[in-house]
């Protein structure tokens, strides 16, 4: 009896795809259509995530006024951590502004080979919020590294005044030459716009189709 039941189960298992084909019904499948999966290239998500591709290493302007915590656990937008960036606006180097580049490799100002071919990505997406609200960011930027091995293109948005709530921003990349980008993300702010300094939070910085 057990053998008969087993034979019947096998027959039904092989018959289902054939019936589905005959009736024009799509048989169930565990395979995922690769075209349906949105392609992403991560700049920063959680700290130490293996998919992070750039390093916040290019401090500019009054770099002595900048501190960054890439393991901040204060209400991240997603996951366990976010980026916390503090700027005192004291003018340590007399510049009156600050900036940070996320570079590949770290500290690469175009003096060495690096970067990534990001052809095919249409936007850079990220989430940001201010500690108090009304913090003004002069620009958020993609590319712009010069030198012997310069970025193939650049674009930016700004100025932007942040809210206390997490807000999603996008930089449009359509039509740009993204074949070589070592400056994967950049932000800058001035003491004129933020005389008392600022504290901001960033999370989920990524390139997307």
C-alpha atoms as a PDB file:
ATOM      1  CA  UNK A   1       0.000   0.000   0.000  1.00  0.00           C
ATOM      2  CA  UNK A   2       2.826   2.421   0.931  1.00  0.00           C
ATOM      3  CA  UNK A   3       4.533   1.726  -2.404  1.00  0.00           C
ATOM      4  CA  UNK A   4       1.331   2.522  -4.318  1.00  0.00           C
ATOM      5  CA  UNK A   5       0.913   5.859  -2.453  1.00  0.00           C
ATOM      6  CA  UNK A   6       4.545   6.774  -3.110  1.00  0.00           C
ATOM      7  CA  UNK A   7       4.139   6.052  -6.828  1.00  0.00           C
ATOM      8  CA  UNK A   8       0.988   8.191  -6.987  1.00  0.00           C
ATOM      9  CA  UNK A   9       2.770  11.129  -5.264  1.00  0.00           C
ATOM     10  CA  UNK A  10       5.643  10.962  -7.756  1.00  0.00           C
ATOM     11  CA  UNK A  11       3.209  10.830 -10.687  1.00  0.00           C
ATOM     12  CA  UNK A  12       1.322  13.914  -9.404  1.00  0.00           C
ATOM     13  CA  UNK A  13       4.580  15.824  -8.786  1.00  0.00           C
ATOM     14  CA  UNK A  14       5.719  15.352 -12.409  1.00  0.00           C
ATOM     15  CA  UNK A  15       2.248  15.894 -13.831  1.00  0.00           C
ATOM     16  CA  UNK A  16       1.717  19.411 -12.385  1.00  0.00           C
ATOM     17  CA  UNK A  17       4.305  21.220 -14.611  1.00  0.00           C
ATOM     18  CA  UNK A  18       2.991  19.379 -17.679  1.00  0.00           C
ATOM     19  CA  UNK A  19      -0.615  20.344 -16.911  1.00  0.00           C
ATOM     20  CA  UNK A  20       0.438  23.937 -16.231  1.00  0.00           C
ATOM     21  CA  UNK A  21       2.217  24.070 -19.580  1.00  0.00           C
ATOM     22  CA  UNK A  22      -0.746  22.612 -21.429  1.00  0.00           C
ATOM     23  CA  UNK A  23      -3.193  25.038 -19.803  1.00  0.00           C
ATOM     24  CA  UNK A  24      -0.922  28.058 -20.217  1.00  0.00           C
ATOM     25  CA  UNK A  25      -0.486  28.370 -16.435  1.00  0.00           C
ATOM     26  CA  UNK A  26       2.866  29.456 -15.052  1.00  0.00           C
ATOM     27  CA  UNK A  27       4.201  26.742 -12.785  1.00  0.00           C
ATOM     28  CA  UNK A  28       5.413  27.848  -9.307  1.00  0.00           C
ATOM     29  CA  UNK A  29       9.136  28.559  -9.100  1.00  0.00           C
ATOM     30  CA  UNK A  30      11.562  29.636  -6.386  1.00  0.00           C
ATOM     31  CA  UNK A  31      13.778  31.445  -8.865  1.00  0.00           C
ATOM     32  CA  UNK A  32      13.849  35.254  -8.636  1.00  0.00           C
ATOM     33  CA  UNK A  33      13.770  37.271 -11.827  1.00  0.00           C
ATOM     34  CA  UNK A  34      17.096  39.118 -11.794  1.00  0.00           C
ATOM     35  CA  UNK A  35      15.564  42.041 -13.696  1.00  0.00           C
ATOM     36  CA  UNK A  36      13.001  42.550 -10.924  1.00  0.00           C
ATOM     37  CA  UNK A  37      15.654  43.073  -8.248  1.00  0.00           C
ATOM     38  CA  UNK A  38      16.648  46.708  -7.813  1.00  0.00           C
ATOM     39  CA  UNK A  39      20.413  47.098  -8.112  1.00  0.00           C
ATOM     40  CA  UNK A  40      22.099  49.034  -5.301  1.00  0.00           C
ATOM     41  CA  UNK A  41      25.645  50.135  -4.484  1.00  0.00           C
ATOM     42  CA  UNK A  42      26.119  51.039  -0.826  1.00  0.00           C
ATOM     43  CA  UNK A  43      28.166  53.982   0.437  1.00  0.00           C
ATOM     44  CA  UNK A  44      27.089  53.531   4.079  1.00  0.00           C
ATOM     45  CA  UNK A  45      24.505  51.432   5.843  1.00  0.00           C
ATOM     46  CA  UNK A  46      25.439  49.931   9.228  1.00  0.00           C
ATOM     47  CA  UNK A  47      28.967  50.238  10.617  1.00  0.00           C
ATOM     48  CA  UNK A  48      31.315  47.484   9.431  1.00  0.00           C
ATOM     49  CA  UNK A  49      28.764  46.290   6.870  1.00  0.00           C
ATOM     50  CA  UNK A  50      30.690  44.397   4.188  1.00  0.00           C
ATOM     51  CA  UNK A  51      28.739  46.241   1.498  1.00  0.00           C
ATOM     52  CA  UNK A  52      30.014  49.704   2.471  1.00  0.00           C
ATOM     53  CA  UNK A  53      32.235  50.915  -0.373  1.00  0.00           C
ATOM     54  CA  UNK A  54      33.577  54.357   0.579  1.00  0.00           C
ATOM     55  CA  UNK A  55      35.311  55.829   3.645  1.00  0.00           C
ATOM     56  CA  UNK A  56      34.596  59.220   5.254  1.00  0.00           C
ATOM     57  CA  UNK A  57      38.239  60.303   5.132  1.00  0.00           C
ATOM     58  CA  UNK A  58      38.435  63.538   3.128  1.00  0.00           C
ATOM     59  CA  UNK A  59      38.062  66.299   5.734  1.00  0.00           C
ATOM     60  CA  UNK A  60      38.197  69.819   4.246  1.00  0.00           C
ATOM     61  CA  UNK A  61      38.075  73.458   5.343  1.00  0.00           C
ATOM     62  CA  UNK A  62      38.018  73.788   9.134  1.00  0.00           C
ATOM     63  CA  UNK A  63      38.724  70.090   9.537  1.00  0.00           C
ATOM     64  CA  UNK A  64      39.626  70.618  13.202  1.00  0.00           C
ATOM     65  CA  UNK A  65      35.979  71.530  13.845  1.00  0.00           C
ATOM     66  CA  UNK A  66      34.653  68.211  12.524  1.00  0.00           C
ATOM     67  CA  UNK A  67      33.961  64.960  14.337  1.00  0.00           C
ATOM     68  CA  UNK A  68      32.184  61.931  12.949  1.00  0.00           C
ATOM     69  CA  UNK A  69      30.718  58.870  14.644  1.00  0.00           C
ATOM     70  CA  UNK A  70      29.975  56.004  12.251  1.00  0.00           C
ATOM     71  CA  UNK A  71      28.570  53.860  15.059  1.00  0.00           C
ATOM     72  CA  UNK A  72      25.837  56.181  16.328  1.00  0.00           C
ATOM     73  CA  UNK A  73      22.887  54.286  17.774  1.00  0.00           C
ATOM     74  CA  UNK A  74      20.600  57.295  18.289  1.00  0.00           C
ATOM     75  CA  UNK A  75      17.397  56.391  16.413  1.00  0.00           C
ATOM     76  CA  UNK A  76      18.965  55.332  13.078  1.00  0.00           C
ATOM     77  CA  UNK A  77      16.714  55.500  10.044  1.00  0.00           C
ATOM     78  CA  UNK A  78      17.279  51.801   9.410  1.00  0.00           C
ATOM     79  CA  UNK A  79      19.353  49.030  10.935  1.00  0.00           C
ATOM     80  CA  UNK A  80      21.423  49.417  14.114  1.00  0.00           C
ATOM     81  CA  UNK A  81      23.626  52.440  13.431  1.00  0.00           C
ATOM     82  CA  UNK A  82      23.816  55.721  11.540  1.00  0.00           C
ATOM     83  CA  UNK A  83      26.367  58.484  10.968  1.00  0.00           C
ATOM     84  CA  UNK A  84      26.549  61.404  13.400  1.00  0.00           C
ATOM     85  CA  UNK A  85      28.473  64.459  12.158  1.00  0.00           C
ATOM     86  CA  UNK A  86      29.321  67.371  14.436  1.00  0.00           C
ATOM     87  CA  UNK A  87      30.685  70.759  13.345  1.00  0.00           C
ATOM     88  CA  UNK A  88      31.613  73.361  15.981  1.00  0.00           C
ATOM     89  CA  UNK A  89      32.089  76.299  13.543  1.00  0.00           C
ATOM     90  CA  UNK A  90      34.976  77.632  15.683  1.00  0.00           C
ATOM     91  CA  UNK A  91      37.151  78.248  12.612  1.00  0.00           C
ATOM     92  CA  UNK A  92      40.114  76.118  13.641  1.00  0.00           C
ATOM     93  CA  UNK A  93      41.815  76.553  10.254  1.00  0.00           C
ATOM     94  CA  UNK A  94      40.291  79.964   9.469  1.00  0.00           C
ATOM     95  CA  UNK A  95      38.286  78.649   6.524  1.00  0.00           C
ATOM     96  CA  UNK A  96      34.763  79.437   7.669  1.00  0.00           C
ATOM     97  CA  UNK A  97      33.411  76.157   6.309  1.00  0.00           C
ATOM     98  CA  UNK A  98      33.803  72.401   6.518  1.00  0.00           C
ATOM     99  CA  UNK A  99      33.432  69.462   4.171  1.00  0.00           C
ATOM    100  CA  UNK A 100      33.738  65.691   4.181  1.00  0.00           C
ATOM    101  CA  UNK A 101      34.378  63.381   1.227  1.00  0.00           C
ATOM    102  CA  UNK A 102      33.631  59.651   1.281  1.00  0.00           C
ATOM    103  CA  UNK A 103      36.556  58.329  -0.770  1.00  0.00           C
ATOM    104  CA  UNK A 104      37.944  55.149  -2.286  1.00  0.00           C
ATOM    105  CA  UNK A 105      40.538  54.320  -1.259  1.00  0.00           C
ATOM    106  CA  UNK A 106      40.582  56.368   1.952  1.00  0.00           C
ATOM    107  CA  UNK A 107      42.301  59.770   1.658  1.00  0.00           C
ATOM    108  CA  UNK A 108      42.428  59.533  -2.129  1.00  0.00           C
ATOM    109  CA  UNK A 109      42.445  63.040  -3.614  1.00  0.00           C
ATOM    110  CA  UNK A 110      43.127  61.748  -7.101  1.00  0.00           C
ATOM    111  CA  UNK A 111      46.754  60.839  -6.499  1.00  0.00           C
ATOM    112  CA  UNK A 112      46.147  57.098  -6.872  1.00  0.00           C
ATOM    113  CA  UNK A 113      43.959  54.682  -8.745  1.00  0.00           C
ATOM    114  CA  UNK A 114      40.709  53.783  -7.029  1.00  0.00           C
ATOM    115  CA  UNK A 115      37.043  54.502  -7.375  1.00  0.00           C
ATOM    116  CA  UNK A 116      34.299  52.441  -8.937  1.00  0.00           C
ATOM    117  CA  UNK A 117      32.486  52.198 -12.252  1.00  0.00           C
ATOM    118  CA  UNK A 118      28.931  53.203 -11.308  1.00  0.00           C
ATOM    119  CA  UNK A 119      27.552  53.208 -14.835  1.00  0.00           C
ATOM    120  CA  UNK A 120      23.882  52.203 -14.820  1.00  0.00           C
ATOM    121  CA  UNK A 121      22.920  53.885 -11.553  1.00  0.00           C
ATOM    122  CA  UNK A 122      20.414  56.726 -11.900  1.00  0.00           C
ATOM    123  CA  UNK A 123      20.266  58.229  -8.417  1.00  0.00           C
ATOM    124  CA  UNK A 124      22.182  58.548  -5.184  1.00  0.00           C
ATOM    125  CA  UNK A 125      19.738  58.181  -2.307  1.00  0.00           C
ATOM    126  CA  UNK A 126      20.319  59.051   1.337  1.00  0.00           C
ATOM    127  CA  UNK A 127      18.451  59.918   4.517  1.00  0.00           C
ATOM    128  CA  UNK A 128      19.340  62.916   6.676  1.00  0.00           C
ATOM    129  CA  UNK A 129      18.071  64.833   9.683  1.00  0.00           C
ATOM    130  CA  UNK A 130      19.283  67.591  12.006  1.00  0.00           C
ATOM    131  CA  UNK A 131      19.699  67.485  15.770  1.00  0.00           C
ATOM    132  CA  UNK A 132      17.583  70.634  16.227  1.00  0.00           C
ATOM    133  CA  UNK A 133      16.226  71.278  12.747  1.00  0.00           C
ATOM    134  CA  UNK A 134      17.089  74.251  10.504  1.00  0.00           C
ATOM    135  CA  UNK A 135      20.705  73.092   9.994  1.00  0.00           C
ATOM    136  CA  UNK A 136      21.839  74.267   6.556  1.00  0.00           C
ATOM    137  CA  UNK A 137      23.978  72.044   4.332  1.00  0.00           C
ATOM    138  CA  UNK A 138      25.628  73.964   1.484  1.00  0.00           C
ATOM    139  CA  UNK A 139      25.702  70.939  -0.782  1.00  0.00           C
ATOM    140  CA  UNK A 140      25.507  67.185  -1.042  1.00  0.00           C
ATOM    141  CA  UNK A 141      27.660  65.993  -3.912  1.00  0.00           C
ATOM    142  CA  UNK A 142      28.749  63.039  -6.062  1.00  0.00           C
ATOM    143  CA  UNK A 143      32.198  63.049  -7.679  1.00  0.00           C
ATOM    144  CA  UNK A 144      34.403  66.098  -8.085  1.00  0.00           C
ATOM    145  CA  UNK A 145      37.766  64.628  -7.052  1.00  0.00           C
ATOM    146  CA  UNK A 146      40.505  66.032  -9.290  1.00  0.00           C
ATOM    147  CA  UNK A 147      44.226  65.215  -9.555  1.00  0.00           C
ATOM    148  CA  UNK A 148      46.073  62.647 -11.644  1.00  0.00           C
ATOM    149  CA  UNK A 149      43.137  60.229 -11.482  1.00  0.00           C
ATOM    150  CA  UNK A 150      40.089  62.535 -11.481  1.00  0.00           C
ATOM    151  CA  UNK A 151      36.459  61.548 -11.157  1.00  0.00           C
ATOM    152  CA  UNK A 152      34.753  61.186 -14.519  1.00  0.00           C
ATOM    153  CA  UNK A 153      31.906  63.561 -13.588  1.00  0.00           C
ATOM    154  CA  UNK A 154      30.202  65.382 -10.718  1.00  0.00           C
ATOM    155  CA  UNK A 155      26.867  66.823  -9.638  1.00  0.00           C
ATOM    156  CA  UNK A 156      25.323  68.209  -6.458  1.00  0.00           C
ATOM    157  CA  UNK A 157      22.179  69.459  -4.731  1.00  0.00           C
ATOM    158  CA  UNK A 158      21.840  72.281  -2.219  1.00  0.00           C
ATOM    159  CA  UNK A 159      21.664  74.323  -0.191  1.00  0.00           C
ATOM    160  CA  UNK A 160      19.346  72.194   1.916  1.00  0.00           C
ATOM    161  CA  UNK A 161      17.824  73.035   5.302  1.00  0.00           C
ATOM    162  CA  UNK A 162      17.310  69.915   7.373  1.00  0.00           C
ATOM    163  CA  UNK A 163      14.373  68.930   9.527  1.00  0.00           C
ATOM    164  CA  UNK A 164      14.493  67.105  12.861  1.00  0.00           C
ATOM    165  CA  UNK A 165      12.798  64.158  11.159  1.00  0.00           C
ATOM    166  CA  UNK A 166      14.465  61.664   8.859  1.00  0.00           C
ATOM    167  CA  UNK A 167      13.971  62.828   5.277  1.00  0.00           C
ATOM    168  CA  UNK A 168      14.964  61.069   2.077  1.00  0.00           C
ATOM    169  CA  UNK A 169      16.978  63.000  -0.521  1.00  0.00           C
ATOM    170  CA  UNK A 170      18.029  62.031  -4.042  1.00  0.00           C
ATOM    171  CA  UNK A 171      20.751  63.257  -6.376  1.00  0.00           C
ATOM    172  CA  UNK A 172      19.842  62.731 -10.028  1.00  0.00           C
ATOM    173  CA  UNK A 173      22.667  60.995 -11.915  1.00  0.00           C
ATOM    174  CA  UNK A 174      21.016  60.444 -15.280  1.00  0.00           C
ATOM    175  CA  UNK A 175      23.199  61.516 -18.199  1.00  0.00           C
ATOM    176  CA  UNK A 176      26.416  61.633 -16.183  1.00  0.00           C
ATOM    177  CA  UNK A 177      29.636  59.748 -16.905  1.00  0.00           C
ATOM    178  CA  UNK A 178      29.957  57.511 -13.845  1.00  0.00           C
ATOM    179  CA  UNK A 179      32.680  55.266 -15.226  1.00  0.00           C
ATOM    180  CA  UNK A 180      35.156  56.325 -12.536  1.00  0.00           C
ATOM    181  CA  UNK A 181      34.030  57.765  -9.190  1.00  0.00           C
ATOM    182  CA  UNK A 182      36.434  57.837  -6.243  1.00  0.00           C
ATOM    183  CA  UNK A 183      34.530  60.598  -4.434  1.00  0.00           C
ATOM    184  CA  UNK A 184      31.393  58.631  -3.762  1.00  0.00           C
ATOM    185  CA  UNK A 185      29.658  61.201  -1.545  1.00  0.00           C
ATOM    186  CA  UNK A 186      30.400  64.655  -0.173  1.00  0.00           C
ATOM    187  CA  UNK A 187      28.799  67.277   2.035  1.00  0.00           C
ATOM    188  CA  UNK A 188      29.787  70.775   3.080  1.00  0.00           C
ATOM    189  CA  UNK A 189      28.450  73.460   5.425  1.00  0.00           C
ATOM    190  CA  UNK A 190      29.520  76.964   6.407  1.00  0.00           C
ATOM    191  CA  UNK A 191      29.814  78.841   9.682  1.00  0.00           C
ATOM    192  CA  UNK A 192      27.876  81.724   8.085  1.00  0.00           C
ATOM    193  CA  UNK A 193      24.824  79.479   7.695  1.00  0.00           C
ATOM    194  CA  UNK A 194      25.442  77.668  10.992  1.00  0.00           C
ATOM    195  CA  UNK A 195      27.107  80.180  13.369  1.00  0.00           C
ATOM    196  CA  UNK A 196      26.585  77.919  16.377  1.00  0.00           C
ATOM    197  CA  UNK A 197      27.710  74.826  14.493  1.00  0.00           C
ATOM    198  CA  UNK A 198      25.551  71.823  13.793  1.00  0.00           C
ATOM    199  CA  UNK A 199      24.922  68.164  14.500  1.00  0.00           C
ATOM    200  CA  UNK A 200      23.394  66.088  11.714  1.00  0.00           C
ATOM    201  CA  UNK A 201      22.665  62.421  11.111  1.00  0.00           C
ATOM    202  CA  UNK A 202      22.947  60.440   7.868  1.00  0.00           C
ATOM    203  CA  UNK A 203      21.896  56.902   7.013  1.00  0.00           C
ATOM    204  CA  UNK A 204      21.348  54.512   4.104  1.00  0.00           C
ATOM    205  CA  UNK A 205      23.550  56.289   1.560  1.00  0.00           C
ATOM    206  CA  UNK A 206      23.416  54.300  -1.665  1.00  0.00           C
ATOM    207  CA  UNK A 207      23.416  54.406  -5.454  1.00  0.00           C
ATOM    208  CA  UNK A 208      20.290  52.967  -7.041  1.00  0.00           C
ATOM    209  CA  UNK A 209      18.952  52.197 -10.506  1.00  0.00           C
END
